[in-house]
């Protein structure tokens, strides 16, 4: 094998590695939890609209979200836009962009924090599931299908 063909093979291999890394970065999927629960940031308590329509990347989440609701959505890529339209005043539209780090799989986006003009670090946070409760087996209820 000549040094020229060896160099060509190394360049092709490195090119494929770079292309693979770029495709992983732009195509990485994330699960978003859109949350309208009341949030306390500092000493301010932030609340959501009574009813609002939420669009992620131009796609409507569902018909409308009230207070203390959570919706789930799967998106791809690191950067996204969110639009919040107040149902009682359709002229009140808030549009923001946010970034999701590559290795954050499940993310909570807080609507009250967006409405309260909090920085994106406070309204885009990683989802941590609640700890499992150590309930005695006698108190657990099982469902057996017929």
N, C-alpha and C. Protein backbone atom coordinates (compact mmCIF):
# COMPACT_ATOMS: atom_id res chain seq x y z
N UNK A 1 0.85 -1.17 0.00
CA UNK A 1 0.00 0.00 0.00
C UNK A 1 0.90 1.23 0.00
N UNK A 2 0.60 2.14 -0.91
CA UNK A 2 1.42 3.35 -1.01
C UNK A 2 1.00 4.36 0.05
N UNK A 3 1.88 5.32 0.28
CA UNK A 3 1.58 6.34 1.29
C UNK A 3 0.43 7.24 0.84
N UNK A 4 0.25 7.37 -0.48
CA UNK A 4 -0.84 8.20 -0.99
C UNK A 4 -2.20 7.56 -0.70
N UNK A 5 -2.35 6.26 -0.95
CA UNK A 5 -3.64 5.61 -0.68
C UNK A 5 -3.90 5.54 0.83
N UNK A 6 -2.85 5.36 1.63
CA UNK A 6 -3.02 5.37 3.08
C UNK A 6 -3.53 6.73 3.55
N UNK A 7 -2.96 7.81 3.03
CA UNK A 7 -3.39 9.17 3.37
C UNK A 7 -4.85 9.40 2.96
N UNK A 8 -5.24 8.90 1.78
CA UNK A 8 -6.62 9.06 1.32
C UNK A 8 -7.59 8.31 2.24
N UNK A 9 -7.22 7.13 2.66
CA UNK A 9 -8.09 6.36 3.55
C UNK A 9 -8.24 7.05 4.91
N UNK A 10 -7.16 7.61 5.41
CA UNK A 10 -7.23 8.34 6.68
C UNK A 10 -8.14 9.56 6.54
N UNK A 11 -8.02 10.30 5.43
CA UNK A 11 -8.87 11.49 5.21
C UNK A 11 -10.35 11.11 5.10
N UNK A 12 -10.65 10.02 4.39
CA UNK A 12 -12.05 9.57 4.26
C UNK A 12 -12.59 9.15 5.63
N UNK A 13 -11.80 8.43 6.40
CA UNK A 13 -12.23 8.00 7.73
C UNK A 13 -12.49 9.19 8.64
N UNK A 14 -11.58 10.16 8.66
CA UNK A 14 -11.79 11.35 9.48
C UNK A 14 -13.01 12.16 9.01
N UNK A 15 -13.20 12.23 7.70
CA UNK A 15 -14.38 12.93 7.17
C UNK A 15 -15.67 12.27 7.62
N UNK A 16 -15.71 10.93 7.59
CA UNK A 16 -16.91 10.22 8.05
C UNK A 16 -17.15 10.42 9.54
N UNK A 17 -16.09 10.48 10.33
CA UNK A 17 -16.25 10.73 11.76
C UNK A 17 -16.81 12.12 12.01
N UNK A 18 -16.32 13.12 11.29
CA UNK A 18 -16.81 14.50 11.45
C UNK A 18 -18.27 14.60 11.02
N UNK A 19 -18.62 13.99 9.90
CA UNK A 19 -20.01 14.01 9.42
C UNK A 19 -20.93 13.32 10.43
N UNK A 20 -20.48 12.19 10.99
CA UNK A 20 -21.29 11.46 11.98
C UNK A 20 -21.52 12.31 13.23
N UNK A 21 -20.49 13.01 13.70
CA UNK A 21 -20.64 13.86 14.88
C UNK A 21 -21.62 15.00 14.60
N UNK A 22 -21.53 15.61 13.42
CA UNK A 22 -22.46 16.70 13.06
C UNK A 22 -23.90 16.19 12.98
N UNK A 23 -24.11 15.04 12.37
CA UNK A 23 -25.47 14.49 12.27
C UNK A 23 -26.02 14.11 13.64
N UNK A 24 -25.17 13.61 14.52
CA UNK A 24 -25.61 13.31 15.88
C UNK A 24 -26.06 14.59 16.59
N UNK A 25 -25.28 15.65 16.43
CA UNK A 25 -25.57 16.92 17.10
C UNK A 25 -26.89 17.52 16.62
N UNK A 26 -27.11 17.56 15.31
CA UNK A 26 -28.32 18.22 14.80
C UNK A 26 -29.56 17.32 14.84
N UNK A 27 -29.37 16.01 15.00
CA UNK A 27 -30.52 15.11 14.99
C UNK A 27 -30.87 14.51 16.32
N UNK A 28 -30.16 14.88 17.38
CA UNK A 28 -30.40 14.32 18.71
C UNK A 28 -31.80 14.66 19.18
N UNK A 29 -32.54 13.66 19.62
CA UNK A 29 -33.90 13.87 20.09
C UNK A 29 -33.95 14.21 21.56
N UNK A 30 -34.91 15.04 21.93
CA UNK A 30 -35.13 15.45 23.31
C UNK A 30 -36.61 15.34 23.62
N UNK A 31 -36.93 15.00 24.86
CA UNK A 31 -38.31 14.99 25.33
C UNK A 31 -38.52 16.27 26.13
N UNK A 32 -39.48 17.08 25.68
CA UNK A 32 -39.79 18.32 26.38
C UNK A 32 -41.06 18.13 27.21
N UNK A 33 -41.01 18.60 28.44
CA UNK A 33 -42.20 18.66 29.29
C UNK A 33 -42.54 20.14 29.41
N UNK A 34 -43.64 20.57 28.82
CA UNK A 34 -44.08 21.96 28.90
C UNK A 34 -44.94 22.07 30.15
N UNK A 35 -44.50 22.90 31.09
CA UNK A 35 -45.07 22.94 32.43
C UNK A 35 -45.66 24.32 32.70
N UNK A 36 -46.89 24.37 33.23
CA UNK A 36 -47.52 25.64 33.57
C UNK A 36 -47.72 25.80 35.08
N UNK A 37 -47.05 24.99 35.87
CA UNK A 37 -47.15 25.12 37.33
C UNK A 37 -46.51 26.41 37.81
N UNK A 38 -47.00 26.95 38.92
CA UNK A 38 -46.45 28.16 39.52
C UNK A 38 -45.00 27.91 39.94
N UNK A 39 -44.14 28.90 39.67
CA UNK A 39 -42.71 28.78 39.95
C UNK A 39 -42.29 29.95 40.84
N UNK A 40 -41.40 29.68 41.80
CA UNK A 40 -40.84 30.74 42.63
C UNK A 40 -39.37 30.92 42.24
N UNK A 41 -39.03 32.11 41.75
CA UNK A 41 -37.66 32.45 41.39
C UNK A 41 -37.25 33.62 42.26
N UNK A 42 -36.26 33.37 43.12
CA UNK A 42 -35.89 34.40 44.09
C UNK A 42 -37.01 34.57 45.09
N UNK A 43 -37.54 35.79 45.17
CA UNK A 43 -38.69 36.02 46.06
C UNK A 43 -39.96 36.30 45.27
N UNK A 44 -39.91 36.11 43.93
CA UNK A 44 -41.08 36.32 43.08
C UNK A 44 -41.77 35.00 42.78
N UNK A 45 -43.09 35.02 42.91
CA UNK A 45 -43.89 33.86 42.53
C UNK A 45 -44.49 34.14 41.15
N UNK A 46 -44.18 33.29 40.18
CA UNK A 46 -44.62 33.50 38.80
C UNK A 46 -45.73 32.51 38.46
N UNK A 47 -46.80 33.03 37.84
CA UNK A 47 -47.94 32.20 37.46
C UNK A 47 -48.16 32.27 35.96
N UNK A 48 -48.77 31.26 35.43
CA UNK A 48 -49.09 31.20 34.01
C UNK A 48 -50.43 31.87 33.75
N UNK A 49 -50.75 32.07 32.47
CA UNK A 49 -52.08 32.56 32.11
C UNK A 49 -53.11 31.50 32.49
N UNK A 50 -54.35 31.94 32.65
CA UNK A 50 -55.42 30.99 32.98
C UNK A 50 -55.60 29.98 31.85
N UNK A 51 -55.43 30.42 30.62
CA UNK A 51 -55.52 29.55 29.46
C UNK A 51 -54.62 30.12 28.37
N UNK A 52 -53.76 29.27 27.81
CA UNK A 52 -52.83 29.73 26.79
C UNK A 52 -52.61 28.63 25.76
N UNK A 53 -52.33 29.05 24.54
CA UNK A 53 -51.97 28.14 23.46
C UNK A 53 -50.46 28.19 23.31
N UNK A 54 -49.83 27.02 23.26
CA UNK A 54 -48.37 26.94 23.17
C UNK A 54 -47.98 26.28 21.86
N UNK A 55 -47.04 26.92 21.16
CA UNK A 55 -46.51 26.38 19.91
C UNK A 55 -45.01 26.18 20.07
N UNK A 56 -44.52 25.01 19.72
CA UNK A 56 -43.09 24.71 19.73
C UNK A 56 -42.67 24.52 18.28
N UNK A 57 -41.73 25.34 17.83
CA UNK A 57 -41.25 25.30 16.44
C UNK A 57 -42.39 25.42 15.44
N UNK A 58 -43.41 26.20 15.79
CA UNK A 58 -44.55 26.42 14.90
C UNK A 58 -45.64 25.37 14.97
N UNK A 59 -45.45 24.31 15.76
CA UNK A 59 -46.45 23.25 15.87
C UNK A 59 -47.21 23.42 17.17
N UNK A 60 -48.55 23.36 17.07
CA UNK A 60 -49.40 23.52 18.25
C UNK A 60 -49.29 22.29 19.14
N UNK A 61 -49.13 22.54 20.42
CA UNK A 61 -48.97 21.47 21.40
C UNK A 61 -50.27 20.69 21.57
N UNK A 62 -51.29 21.37 21.96
CA UNK A 62 -52.65 20.82 22.05
C UNK A 62 -53.59 22.00 22.01
N UNK A 63 -54.86 21.82 22.20
CA UNK A 63 -55.80 22.91 22.04
C UNK A 63 -55.48 24.10 22.94
N UNK A 64 -55.31 23.88 24.22
CA UNK A 64 -55.03 24.96 25.16
C UNK A 64 -54.49 24.37 26.45
N UNK A 65 -53.65 25.15 27.14
CA UNK A 65 -53.12 24.70 28.42
C UNK A 65 -53.57 25.66 29.51
N UNK A 66 -54.10 25.12 30.59
CA UNK A 66 -54.48 25.93 31.73
C UNK A 66 -53.36 25.94 32.76
N UNK A 67 -53.68 26.40 33.95
CA UNK A 67 -52.68 26.40 35.02
C UNK A 67 -52.49 24.99 35.56
N UNK A 68 -51.29 24.72 36.04
CA UNK A 68 -50.92 23.46 36.67
C UNK A 68 -51.12 22.26 35.73
N UNK A 69 -50.68 22.41 34.49
CA UNK A 69 -50.73 21.31 33.53
C UNK A 69 -49.33 21.03 33.02
N UNK A 70 -49.14 19.84 32.51
CA UNK A 70 -47.86 19.47 31.91
C UNK A 70 -48.14 18.66 30.66
N UNK A 71 -47.50 19.05 29.55
CA UNK A 71 -47.63 18.31 28.30
C UNK A 71 -46.26 17.82 27.86
N UNK A 72 -46.25 16.73 27.12
CA UNK A 72 -45.00 16.15 26.68
C UNK A 72 -44.90 16.21 25.16
N UNK A 73 -43.68 16.46 24.67
CA UNK A 73 -43.44 16.59 23.24
C UNK A 73 -42.03 16.12 22.95
N UNK A 74 -41.83 15.44 21.83
CA UNK A 74 -40.49 15.02 21.42
C UNK A 74 -40.04 15.90 20.27
N UNK A 75 -38.83 16.46 20.38
CA UNK A 75 -38.26 17.33 19.36
C UNK A 75 -36.85 16.85 19.02
N UNK A 76 -36.35 17.31 17.88
CA UNK A 76 -34.99 16.98 17.47
C UNK A 76 -34.16 18.23 17.28
N UNK A 77 -32.89 18.13 17.62
CA UNK A 77 -31.98 19.25 17.45
C UNK A 77 -31.82 20.07 18.70
N UNK A 78 -30.82 20.97 18.72
CA UNK A 78 -30.53 21.72 19.94
C UNK A 78 -31.29 23.03 20.11
N UNK A 79 -31.68 23.70 19.05
CA UNK A 79 -32.32 25.02 19.22
C UNK A 79 -33.78 24.98 18.78
N UNK A 80 -34.61 25.67 19.56
CA UNK A 80 -36.05 25.65 19.33
C UNK A 80 -36.65 27.02 19.64
N UNK A 81 -37.86 27.24 19.13
CA UNK A 81 -38.60 28.46 19.46
C UNK A 81 -39.93 28.06 20.11
N UNK A 82 -40.38 28.91 21.02
CA UNK A 82 -41.65 28.67 21.70
C UNK A 82 -42.48 29.94 21.58
N UNK A 83 -43.76 29.76 21.26
CA UNK A 83 -44.71 30.87 21.21
C UNK A 83 -45.81 30.60 22.21
N UNK A 84 -46.12 31.61 23.02
CA UNK A 84 -47.19 31.49 24.01
C UNK A 84 -48.23 32.55 23.67
N UNK A 85 -49.44 32.10 23.39
CA UNK A 85 -50.53 33.00 23.02
C UNK A 85 -51.58 32.95 24.12
N UNK A 86 -51.83 34.10 24.75
CA UNK A 86 -52.85 34.19 25.80
C UNK A 86 -54.21 34.06 25.13
N UNK A 87 -55.03 33.09 25.56
CA UNK A 87 -56.34 32.87 24.94
C UNK A 87 -57.33 33.99 25.23
N UNK A 88 -57.16 34.72 26.34
CA UNK A 88 -58.08 35.81 26.65
C UNK A 88 -57.72 37.08 25.89
N UNK A 89 -56.47 37.21 25.45
CA UNK A 89 -56.02 38.38 24.69
C UNK A 89 -55.09 37.87 23.60
N UNK A 90 -55.63 37.58 22.42
CA UNK A 90 -54.83 36.96 21.36
C UNK A 90 -53.78 37.90 20.78
N UNK A 91 -53.81 39.18 21.14
CA UNK A 91 -52.76 40.09 20.70
C UNK A 91 -51.49 39.92 21.54
N UNK A 92 -51.62 39.28 22.70
CA UNK A 92 -50.49 39.07 23.60
C UNK A 92 -49.78 37.78 23.21
N UNK A 93 -48.75 37.90 22.36
CA UNK A 93 -47.98 36.75 21.90
C UNK A 93 -46.54 36.93 22.36
N UNK A 94 -46.02 35.92 23.03
CA UNK A 94 -44.63 35.94 23.48
C UNK A 94 -43.89 34.87 22.71
N UNK A 95 -42.80 35.26 22.04
CA UNK A 95 -42.01 34.33 21.25
C UNK A 95 -40.57 34.38 21.75
N UNK A 96 -40.04 33.21 22.13
CA UNK A 96 -38.67 33.11 22.65
C UNK A 96 -37.97 31.93 22.00
N UNK A 97 -36.66 32.01 21.96
CA UNK A 97 -35.82 30.92 21.48
C UNK A 97 -35.06 30.33 22.66
N UNK A 98 -34.83 29.02 22.61
CA UNK A 98 -34.05 28.39 23.66
C UNK A 98 -33.20 27.28 23.08
N UNK A 99 -32.20 26.89 23.84
CA UNK A 99 -31.21 25.91 23.44
C UNK A 99 -31.22 24.77 24.44
N UNK A 100 -31.15 23.55 23.95
CA UNK A 100 -31.08 22.37 24.81
C UNK A 100 -29.70 21.74 24.64
N UNK A 101 -28.94 21.60 25.72
CA UNK A 101 -27.64 20.94 25.61
C UNK A 101 -27.79 19.52 25.06
N UNK A 102 -26.78 19.06 24.35
CA UNK A 102 -26.84 17.78 23.63
C UNK A 102 -27.16 16.60 24.53
N UNK A 103 -26.58 16.52 25.70
CA UNK A 103 -26.75 15.33 26.51
C UNK A 103 -27.84 15.46 27.57
N UNK A 104 -28.74 16.43 27.42
CA UNK A 104 -29.94 16.51 28.26
C UNK A 104 -31.06 15.83 27.48
N UNK A 105 -31.52 14.69 27.98
CA UNK A 105 -32.54 13.95 27.25
C UNK A 105 -33.95 14.44 27.54
N UNK A 106 -34.25 14.67 28.81
CA UNK A 106 -35.58 15.10 29.22
C UNK A 106 -35.48 16.48 29.86
N UNK A 107 -36.26 17.42 29.35
CA UNK A 107 -36.15 18.82 29.75
C UNK A 107 -37.52 19.35 30.13
N UNK A 108 -37.58 20.16 31.20
CA UNK A 108 -38.81 20.86 31.58
C UNK A 108 -38.68 22.31 31.13
N UNK A 109 -39.69 22.78 30.39
CA UNK A 109 -39.75 24.18 29.97
C UNK A 109 -40.88 24.82 30.77
N UNK A 110 -40.55 25.81 31.60
CA UNK A 110 -41.52 26.44 32.49
C UNK A 110 -42.15 27.67 31.82
N UNK A 111 -43.44 27.60 31.55
CA UNK A 111 -44.17 28.71 30.92
C UNK A 111 -44.21 29.94 31.85
N UNK A 112 -44.49 29.80 33.17
CA UNK A 112 -44.50 30.98 34.03
C UNK A 112 -43.14 31.69 34.09
N UNK A 113 -42.05 30.94 34.03
CA UNK A 113 -40.73 31.57 34.04
C UNK A 113 -40.49 32.35 32.75
N UNK A 114 -41.00 31.86 31.63
CA UNK A 114 -40.88 32.60 30.36
C UNK A 114 -41.68 33.88 30.44
N UNK A 115 -42.90 33.79 30.96
CA UNK A 115 -43.76 34.96 31.07
C UNK A 115 -43.20 35.98 32.06
N UNK A 116 -42.44 35.52 33.05
CA UNK A 116 -41.86 36.41 34.05
C UNK A 116 -40.50 36.96 33.65
N UNK A 117 -40.09 36.77 32.40
CA UNK A 117 -38.81 37.25 31.87
C UNK A 117 -37.60 36.73 32.64
N UNK A 118 -37.65 35.50 33.08
CA UNK A 118 -36.50 34.88 33.72
C UNK A 118 -35.49 34.49 32.64
N UNK A 119 -34.22 34.38 32.97
CA UNK A 119 -33.23 33.96 31.97
C UNK A 119 -33.47 32.50 31.56
N UNK A 120 -33.07 32.13 30.34
CA UNK A 120 -33.33 30.76 29.85
C UNK A 120 -32.76 29.66 30.74
N UNK A 121 -31.71 29.95 31.49
CA UNK A 121 -31.16 28.93 32.39
C UNK A 121 -32.15 28.54 33.47
N UNK A 122 -33.11 29.42 33.77
CA UNK A 122 -34.08 29.13 34.82
C UNK A 122 -35.38 28.58 34.28
N UNK A 123 -35.66 28.74 32.98
CA UNK A 123 -36.90 28.16 32.48
C UNK A 123 -36.69 26.94 31.61
N UNK A 124 -35.46 26.56 31.37
CA UNK A 124 -35.14 25.29 30.72
C UNK A 124 -34.26 24.51 31.69
N UNK A 125 -34.84 23.49 32.32
CA UNK A 125 -34.10 22.70 33.31
C UNK A 125 -34.23 21.22 33.00
N UNK A 126 -33.31 20.44 33.52
CA UNK A 126 -33.36 19.00 33.30
C UNK A 126 -34.43 18.37 34.18
N UNK A 127 -35.16 17.43 33.61
CA UNK A 127 -36.22 16.73 34.33
C UNK A 127 -35.61 15.66 35.23
N UNK A 128 -36.00 15.68 36.49
CA UNK A 128 -35.58 14.65 37.44
C UNK A 128 -36.85 13.98 37.97
N UNK A 129 -37.04 12.70 37.68
CA UNK A 129 -38.25 12.04 38.16
C UNK A 129 -38.27 11.97 39.68
N UNK A 130 -39.47 11.97 40.27
CA UNK A 130 -39.55 11.89 41.73
C UNK A 130 -39.03 10.54 42.21
N UNK A 131 -38.49 10.51 43.43
CA UNK A 131 -37.97 9.24 43.95
C UNK A 131 -39.11 8.24 44.19
N UNK A 132 -38.77 6.98 44.07
CA UNK A 132 -39.75 5.93 44.32
C UNK A 132 -40.05 5.87 45.81
N UNK A 133 -41.30 5.67 46.12
CA UNK A 133 -41.73 5.59 47.51
C UNK A 133 -41.57 4.15 47.97
N UNK A 134 -40.98 3.97 49.13
CA UNK A 134 -40.81 2.63 49.67
C UNK A 134 -42.07 2.24 50.44
N UNK A 135 -43.09 1.87 49.71
CA UNK A 135 -44.35 1.47 50.33
C UNK A 135 -44.31 -0.03 50.61
N UNK A 136 -44.88 -0.44 51.74
CA UNK A 136 -44.93 -1.88 52.00
C UNK A 136 -45.78 -2.58 50.95
N UNK A 137 -45.43 -3.80 50.69
CA UNK A 137 -46.13 -4.56 49.66
C UNK A 137 -47.60 -4.75 49.99
N UNK A 138 -47.95 -4.83 51.28
CA UNK A 138 -49.35 -5.05 51.64
C UNK A 138 -50.23 -3.89 51.20
N UNK A 139 -49.67 -2.68 51.15
CA UNK A 139 -50.48 -1.51 50.80
C UNK A 139 -50.53 -1.26 49.31
N UNK A 140 -49.74 -1.98 48.54
CA UNK A 140 -49.74 -1.78 47.09
C UNK A 140 -50.95 -2.48 46.50
N UNK A 141 -51.51 -1.89 45.48
CA UNK A 141 -52.66 -2.47 44.80
C UNK A 141 -52.22 -2.98 43.45
N UNK A 142 -52.60 -4.20 43.16
CA UNK A 142 -52.25 -4.80 41.90
C UNK A 142 -53.50 -4.97 41.06
N UNK A 143 -53.32 -4.83 39.78
CA UNK A 143 -54.43 -5.04 38.86
C UNK A 143 -54.09 -6.24 38.00
N UNK A 144 -54.96 -7.23 38.02
CA UNK A 144 -54.75 -8.40 37.18
C UNK A 144 -55.83 -8.40 36.12
N UNK A 145 -55.43 -8.36 34.86
CA UNK A 145 -56.44 -8.36 33.79
C UNK A 145 -57.24 -9.65 33.79
N UNK A 146 -58.50 -9.58 33.38
CA UNK A 146 -59.37 -10.77 33.38
C UNK A 146 -58.96 -11.79 32.33
